[in-house]
Structure formats: structure tokens, C-alpha cells
Amino acid sequence: MGTFLARRLLQMLLQVFVAATVIFFLVRLVPGNPAVAVLGDNATEDQIQRITAQMGLDKPVWNQYL
């Protein structure tokens, strides 16, 4: 019973990791800036830069993933 639960837990963790990775990279493939999507088209450049920094979008992709 213990090995069954351990195997199922490992499978669940692997599935969550794969799903999170796929979703992360699919979001990166969508054209446009997520900060502009949050703020709207009438946002100023200062607002866009502030939201970009808050969301961590100014960091490298590997750092964003972590």
C-alpha cells in the first residue's frame, strides 16, 4: 500500500510540473506584453514599466519560471 501511494504521489508531482511548464511557455508564446494586457491600451510607459517590474517580467525567462 505504501509503494502504491508513493508511486501515485510521484506521478501527481510529475504531472503538476509538466502542466506548469507547458502553461508557462504557452503564455510566453502569446504575442504582446502581459503588462499592457493588465493595464489596458491607454496605459502610460511609466505604468507599464512599473507593472513589468512588479510581475518580474524584466527578469530572464529561467528566473521567471523559478
PDB file of N, CA and C in Angstrom:
ATOM      1  N   MET A   1       0.818  -1.195   0.000  1.00  0.00           N
ATOM      2  CA  MET A   1       0.000   0.000   0.000  1.00  0.00           C
ATOM      3  C   MET A   1       0.865   1.263   0.000  1.00  0.00           C
ATOM      4  N   GLY A   2       1.978   1.210   0.761  1.00  0.00           N
ATOM      5  CA  GLY A   2       2.860   2.372   0.833  1.00  0.00           C
ATOM      6  C   GLY A   2       3.531   2.674  -0.501  1.00  0.00           C
ATOM      7  N   THR A   3       3.933   1.626  -1.225  1.00  0.00           N
ATOM      8  CA  THR A   3       4.572   1.856  -2.521  1.00  0.00           C
ATOM      9  C   THR A   3       3.563   2.396  -3.531  1.00  0.00           C
ATOM     10  N   PHE A   4       2.325   1.941  -3.425  1.00  0.00           N
ATOM     11  CA  PHE A   4       1.283   2.445  -4.317  1.00  0.00           C
ATOM     12  C   PHE A   4       1.075   3.941  -4.094  1.00  0.00           C
ATOM     13  N   LEU A   5       0.963   4.356  -2.834  1.00  0.00           N
ATOM     14  CA  LEU A   5       0.763   5.779  -2.524  1.00  0.00           C
ATOM     15  C   LEU A   5       1.968   6.614  -2.943  1.00  0.00           C
ATOM     16  N   ALA A   6       3.162   6.082  -2.717  1.00  0.00           N
ATOM     17  CA  ALA A   6       4.375   6.805  -3.111  1.00  0.00           C
ATOM     18  C   ALA A   6       4.438   6.969  -4.623  1.00  0.00           C
ATOM     19  N   ARG A   7       4.080   5.909  -5.352  1.00  0.00           N
ATOM     20  CA  ARG A   7       4.094   5.982  -6.811  1.00  0.00           C
ATOM     21  C   ARG A   7       3.056   6.986  -7.314  1.00  0.00           C
ATOM     22  N   ARG A   8       1.872   6.971  -6.724  1.00  0.00           N
ATOM     23  CA  ARG A   8       0.817   7.913  -7.141  1.00  0.00           C
ATOM     24  C   ARG A   8       1.211   9.355  -6.825  1.00  0.00           C
ATOM     25  N   LEU A   9       1.842   9.582  -5.689  1.00  0.00           N
ATOM     26  CA  LEU A   9       2.296  10.922  -5.319  1.00  0.00           C
ATOM     27  C   LEU A   9       3.364  11.404  -6.294  1.00  0.00           C
ATOM     28  N   LEU A  10       4.281  10.539  -6.659  1.00  0.00           N
ATOM     29  CA  LEU A  10       5.316  10.901  -7.623  1.00  0.00           C
ATOM     30  C   LEU A  10       4.709  11.219  -8.984  1.00  0.00           C
ATOM     31  N   GLN A  11       3.734  10.441  -9.414  1.00  0.00           N
ATOM     32  CA  GLN A  11       3.054  10.706 -10.681  1.00  0.00           C
ATOM     33  C   GLN A  11       2.328  12.046 -10.637  1.00  0.00           C
ATOM     34  N   MET A  12       1.691  12.345  -9.512  1.00  0.00           N
ATOM     35  CA  MET A  12       0.971  13.604  -9.380  1.00  0.00           C
ATOM     36  C   MET A  12       1.942  14.792  -9.453  1.00  0.00           C
ATOM     37  N   LEU A  13       3.055  14.690  -8.759  1.00  0.00           N
ATOM     38  CA  LEU A  13       4.037  15.767  -8.788  1.00  0.00           C
ATOM     39  C   LEU A  13       4.603  15.966 -10.188  1.00  0.00           C
ATOM     40  N   LEU A  14       4.844  14.886 -10.893  1.00  0.00           N
ATOM     41  CA  LEU A  14       5.340  14.979 -12.262  1.00  0.00           C
ATOM     42  C   LEU A  14       4.308  15.642 -13.174  1.00  0.00           C
ATOM     43  N   GLN A  15       3.062  15.290 -13.017  1.00  0.00           N
ATOM     44  CA  GLN A  15       2.004  15.884 -13.837  1.00  0.00           C
ATOM     45  C   GLN A  15       1.859  17.380 -13.562  1.00  0.00           C
ATOM     46  N   VAL A  16       1.939  17.767 -12.309  1.00  0.00           N
ATOM     47  CA  VAL A  16       1.848  19.185 -11.958  1.00  0.00           C
ATOM     48  C   VAL A  16       3.029  19.947 -12.559  1.00  0.00           C
ATOM     49  N   PHE A  17       4.226  19.370 -12.474  1.00  0.00           N
ATOM     50  CA  PHE A  17       5.407  20.015 -13.047  1.00  0.00           C
ATOM     51  C   PHE A  17       5.274  20.182 -14.556  1.00  0.00           C
ATOM     52  N   VAL A  18       4.851  19.134 -15.245  1.00  0.00           N
ATOM     53  CA  VAL A  18       4.692  19.201 -16.701  1.00  0.00           C
ATOM     54  C   VAL A  18       3.615  20.217 -17.076  1.00  0.00           C
ATOM     55  N   ALA A  19       2.487  20.210 -16.388  1.00  0.00           N
ATOM     56  CA  ALA A  19       1.408  21.154 -16.687  1.00  0.00           C
ATOM     57  C   ALA A  19       1.859  22.593 -16.457  1.00  0.00           C
ATOM     58  N   ALA A  20       2.547  22.844 -15.351  1.00  0.00           N
ATOM     59  CA  ALA A  20       3.023  24.196 -15.062  1.00  0.00           C
ATOM     60  C   ALA A  20       4.032  24.664 -16.107  1.00  0.00           C
ATOM     61  N   THR A  21       4.904  23.774 -16.538  1.00  0.00           N
ATOM     62  CA  THR A  21       5.905  24.114 -17.542  1.00  0.00           C
ATOM     63  C   THR A  21       5.255  24.422 -18.887  1.00  0.00           C
ATOM     64  N   VAL A  22       4.328  23.593 -19.300  1.00  0.00           N
ATOM     65  CA  VAL A  22       3.634  23.815 -20.579  1.00  0.00           C
ATOM     66  C   VAL A  22       2.862  25.132 -20.549  1.00  0.00           C
ATOM     67  N   ILE A  23       2.138  25.385 -19.485  1.00  0.00           N
ATOM     68  CA  ILE A  23       1.356  26.627 -19.385  1.00  0.00           C
ATOM     69  C   ILE A  23       2.278  27.836 -19.370  1.00  0.00           C
ATOM     70  N   PHE A  24       3.381  27.764 -18.629  1.00  0.00           N
ATOM     71  CA  PHE A  24       4.322  28.882 -18.571  1.00  0.00           C
ATOM     72  C   PHE A  24       4.836  29.238 -19.963  1.00  0.00           C
ATOM     73  N   PHE A  25       5.254  28.234 -20.718  1.00  0.00           N
ATOM     74  CA  PHE A  25       5.823  28.526 -22.032  1.00  0.00           C
ATOM     75  C   PHE A  25       4.746  28.877 -23.062  1.00  0.00           C
ATOM     76  N   LEU A  26       3.543  28.387 -22.925  1.00  0.00           N
ATOM     77  CA  LEU A  26       2.460  28.808 -23.811  1.00  0.00           C
ATOM     78  C   LEU A  26       2.125  30.276 -23.606  1.00  0.00           C
ATOM     79  N   VAL A  27       2.144  30.727 -22.356  1.00  0.00           N
ATOM     80  CA  VAL A  27       1.900  32.145 -22.074  1.00  0.00           C
ATOM     81  C   VAL A  27       2.999  32.995 -22.691  1.00  0.00           C
ATOM     82  N   ARG A  28       4.229  32.503 -22.685  1.00  0.00           N
ATOM     83  CA  ARG A  28       5.343  33.256 -23.280  1.00  0.00           C
ATOM     84  C   ARG A  28       5.229  33.328 -24.808  1.00  0.00           C
ATOM     85  N   LEU A  29       4.549  32.379 -25.434  1.00  0.00           N
ATOM     86  CA  LEU A  29       4.411  32.373 -26.888  1.00  0.00           C
ATOM     87  C   LEU A  29       3.343  33.338 -27.387  1.00  0.00           C
ATOM     88  N   VAL A  30       2.440  33.742 -26.524  1.00  0.00           N
ATOM     89  CA  VAL A  30       1.360  34.654 -26.920  1.00  0.00           C
ATOM     90  C   VAL A  30       1.977  36.021 -27.204  1.00  0.00           C
ATOM     91  N   PRO A  31       1.649  36.600 -28.349  1.00  0.00           N
ATOM     92  CA  PRO A  31       2.227  37.908 -28.664  1.00  0.00           C
ATOM     93  C   PRO A  31       1.662  39.002 -27.760  1.00  0.00           C
ATOM     94  N   GLY A  32       2.470  40.014 -27.552  1.00  0.00           N
ATOM     95  CA  GLY A  32       2.044  41.148 -26.739  1.00  0.00           C
ATOM     96  C   GLY A  32       2.693  41.136 -25.371  1.00  0.00           C
ATOM     97  N   ASN A  33       2.494  42.208 -24.667  1.00  0.00           N
ATOM     98  CA  ASN A  33       3.071  42.399 -23.354  1.00  0.00           C
ATOM     99  C   ASN A  33       1.999  42.140 -22.298  1.00  0.00           C
ATOM    100  N   PRO A  34       2.221  41.234 -21.368  1.00  0.00           N
ATOM    101  CA  PRO A  34       1.218  40.974 -20.339  1.00  0.00           C
ATOM    102  C   PRO A  34       0.899  42.208 -19.496  1.00  0.00           C
ATOM    103  N   ALA A  35       1.864  43.100 -19.314  1.00  0.00           N
ATOM    104  CA  ALA A  35       1.620  44.319 -18.540  1.00  0.00           C
ATOM    105  C   ALA A  35       0.599  45.208 -19.249  1.00  0.00           C
ATOM    106  N   VAL A  36       0.673  45.275 -20.559  1.00  0.00           N
ATOM    107  CA  VAL A  36      -0.295  46.063 -21.326  1.00  0.00           C
ATOM    108  C   VAL A  36      -1.669  45.402 -21.256  1.00  0.00           C
ATOM    109  N   ALA A  37      -1.700  44.081 -21.252  1.00  0.00           N
ATOM    110  CA  ALA A  37      -2.975  43.374 -21.137  1.00  0.00           C
ATOM    111  C   ALA A  37      -3.629  43.647 -19.788  1.00  0.00           C
ATOM    112  N   VAL A  38      -2.826  43.768 -18.734  1.00  0.00           N
ATOM    113  CA  VAL A  38      -3.362  44.047 -17.404  1.00  0.00           C
ATOM    114  C   VAL A  38      -3.855  45.488 -17.311  1.00  0.00           C
ATOM    115  N   LEU A  39      -3.078  46.428 -17.840  1.00  0.00           N
ATOM    116  CA  LEU A  39      -3.384  47.846 -17.681  1.00  0.00           C
ATOM    117  C   LEU A  39      -4.331  48.396 -18.739  1.00  0.00           C
ATOM    118  N   GLY A  40      -4.335  47.804 -19.904  1.00  0.00           N
ATOM    119  CA  GLY A  40      -5.154  48.327 -20.991  1.00  0.00           C
ATOM    120  C   GLY A  40      -4.324  49.128 -21.972  1.00  0.00           C
ATOM    121  N   ASP A  41      -4.948  49.515 -23.063  1.00  0.00           N
ATOM    122  CA  ASP A  41      -4.230  50.208 -24.135  1.00  0.00           C
ATOM    123  C   ASP A  41      -3.876  51.653 -23.800  1.00  0.00           C
ATOM    124  N   ASN A  42      -4.556  52.252 -22.834  1.00  0.00           N
ATOM    125  CA  ASN A  42      -4.324  53.665 -22.511  1.00  0.00           C
ATOM    126  C   ASN A  42      -3.280  53.855 -21.422  1.00  0.00           C
ATOM    127  N   ALA A  43      -2.523  52.837 -21.085  1.00  0.00           N
ATOM    128  CA  ALA A  43      -1.520  52.914 -20.022  1.00  0.00           C
ATOM    129  C   ALA A  43      -0.315  53.728 -20.473  1.00  0.00           C
ATOM    130  N   THR A  44       0.266  54.441 -19.536  1.00  0.00           N
ATOM    131  CA  THR A  44       1.478  55.196 -19.838  1.00  0.00           C
ATOM    132  C   THR A  44       2.681  54.258 -19.773  1.00  0.00           C
ATOM    133  N   GLU A  45       3.785  54.715 -20.334  1.00  0.00           N
ATOM    134  CA  GLU A  45       5.009  53.908 -20.342  1.00  0.00           C
ATOM    135  C   GLU A  45       5.513  53.664 -18.923  1.00  0.00           C
ATOM    136  N   ASP A  46       5.358  54.663 -18.048  1.00  0.00           N
ATOM    137  CA  ASP A  46       5.772  54.520 -16.654  1.00  0.00           C
ATOM    138  C   ASP A  46       4.960  53.436 -15.950  1.00  0.00           C
ATOM    139  N   GLN A  47       3.661  53.398 -16.176  1.00  0.00           N
ATOM    140  CA  GLN A  47       2.803  52.369 -15.579  1.00  0.00           C
ATOM    141  C   GLN A  47       3.192  50.981 -16.090  1.00  0.00           C
ATOM    142  N   ILE A  48       3.466  50.882 -17.376  1.00  0.00           N
ATOM    143  CA  ILE A  48       3.843  49.600 -17.970  1.00  0.00           C
ATOM    144  C   ILE A  48       5.155  49.102 -17.369  1.00  0.00           C
ATOM    145  N   GLN A  49       6.124  49.998 -17.216  1.00  0.00           N
ATOM    146  CA  GLN A  49       7.408  49.598 -16.630  1.00  0.00           C
ATOM    147  C   GLN A  49       7.253  49.172 -15.177  1.00  0.00           C
ATOM    148  N   ARG A  50       6.388  49.865 -14.431  1.00  0.00           N
ATOM    149  CA  ARG A  50       6.180  49.521 -13.027  1.00  0.00           C
ATOM    150  C   ARG A  50       5.531  48.137 -12.887  1.00  0.00           C
ATOM    151  N   ILE A  51       4.502  47.866 -13.682  1.00  0.00           N
ATOM    152  CA  ILE A  51       3.830  46.560 -13.633  1.00  0.00           C
ATOM    153  C   ILE A  51       4.769  45.462 -14.121  1.00  0.00           C
ATOM    154  N   THR A  52       5.563  45.755 -15.132  1.00  0.00           N
ATOM    155  CA  THR A  52       6.531  44.776 -15.640  1.00  0.00           C
ATOM    156  C   THR A  52       7.511  44.385 -14.541  1.00  0.00           C
ATOM    157  N   ALA A  53       7.975  45.366 -13.775  1.00  0.00           N
ATOM    158  CA  ALA A  53       8.893  45.077 -12.671  1.00  0.00           C
ATOM    159  C   ALA A  53       8.184  44.319 -11.547  1.00  0.00           C
ATOM    160  N   GLN A  54       6.951  44.686 -11.236  1.00  0.00           N
ATOM    161  CA  GLN A  54       6.210  44.013 -10.164  1.00  0.00           C
ATOM    162  C   GLN A  54       5.928  42.558 -10.510  1.00  0.00           C
ATOM    163  N   MET A  55       5.638  42.292 -11.772  1.00  0.00           N
ATOM    164  CA  MET A  55       5.325  40.933 -12.207  1.00  0.00           C
ATOM    165  C   MET A  55       6.589  40.116 -12.473  1.00  0.00           C
ATOM    166  N   GLY A  56       7.758  40.766 -12.463  1.00  0.00           N
ATOM    167  CA  GLY A  56       9.009  40.068 -12.698  1.00  0.00           C
ATOM    168  C   GLY A  56       9.276  39.768 -14.159  1.00  0.00           C
ATOM    169  N   LEU A  57       8.591  40.466 -15.053  1.00  0.00           N
ATOM    170  CA  LEU A  57       8.747  40.208 -16.481  1.00  0.00           C
ATOM    171  C   LEU A  57      10.032  40.792 -17.050  1.00  0.00           C
ATOM    172  N   ASP A  58      10.738  41.578 -16.246  1.00  0.00           N
ATOM    173  CA  ASP A  58      12.000  42.154 -16.697  1.00  0.00           C
ATOM    174  C   ASP A  58      13.187  41.233 -16.386  1.00  0.00           C
ATOM    175  N   LYS A  59      12.917  40.117 -15.756  1.00  0.00           N
ATOM    176  CA  LYS A  59      13.962  39.155 -15.416  1.00  0.00           C
ATOM    177  C   LYS A  59      14.093  38.115 -16.530  1.00  0.00           C
ATOM    178  N   PRO A  60      15.209  37.363 -16.547  1.00  0.00           N
ATOM    179  CA  PRO A  60      15.356  36.287 -17.555  1.00  0.00           C
ATOM    180  C   PRO A  60      14.253  35.238 -17.408  1.00  0.00           C
ATOM    181  N   VAL A  61      13.959  34.544 -18.500  1.00  0.00           N
ATOM    182  CA  VAL A  61      12.854  33.576 -18.528  1.00  0.00           C
ATOM    183  C   VAL A  61      13.076  32.473 -17.486  1.00  0.00           C
ATOM    184  N   TRP A  62      14.296  31.987 -17.345  1.00  0.00           N
ATOM    185  CA  TRP A  62      14.541  30.909 -16.377  1.00  0.00           C
ATOM    186  C   TRP A  62      14.276  31.387 -14.959  1.00  0.00           C
ATOM    187  N   ASN A  63      14.571  32.665 -14.693  1.00  0.00           N
ATOM    188  CA  ASN A  63      14.323  33.225 -13.372  1.00  0.00           C
ATOM    189  C   ASN A  63      12.820  33.412 -13.141  1.00  0.00           C
ATOM    190  N   GLN A  64      12.097  33.797 -14.169  1.00  0.00           N
ATOM    191  CA  GLN A  64      10.657  33.937 -14.067  1.00  0.00           C
ATOM    192  C   GLN A  64      10.014  32.585 -13.775  1.00  0.00           C
ATOM    193  N   TYR A  65      10.508  31.542 -14.385  1.00  0.00           N
ATOM    194  CA  TYR A  65       9.943  30.216 -14.184  1.00  0.00           C
ATOM    195  C   TYR A  65      10.131  29.736 -12.747  1.00  0.00           C
ATOM    196  N   LEU A  66      11.312  30.012 -12.203  1.00  0.00           N
ATOM    197  CA  LEU A  66      11.571  29.595 -10.820  1.00  0.00           C
ATOM    198  C   LEU A  66      10.718  30.375  -9.868  1.00  0.00           C
TER     199      LEU A  66
END
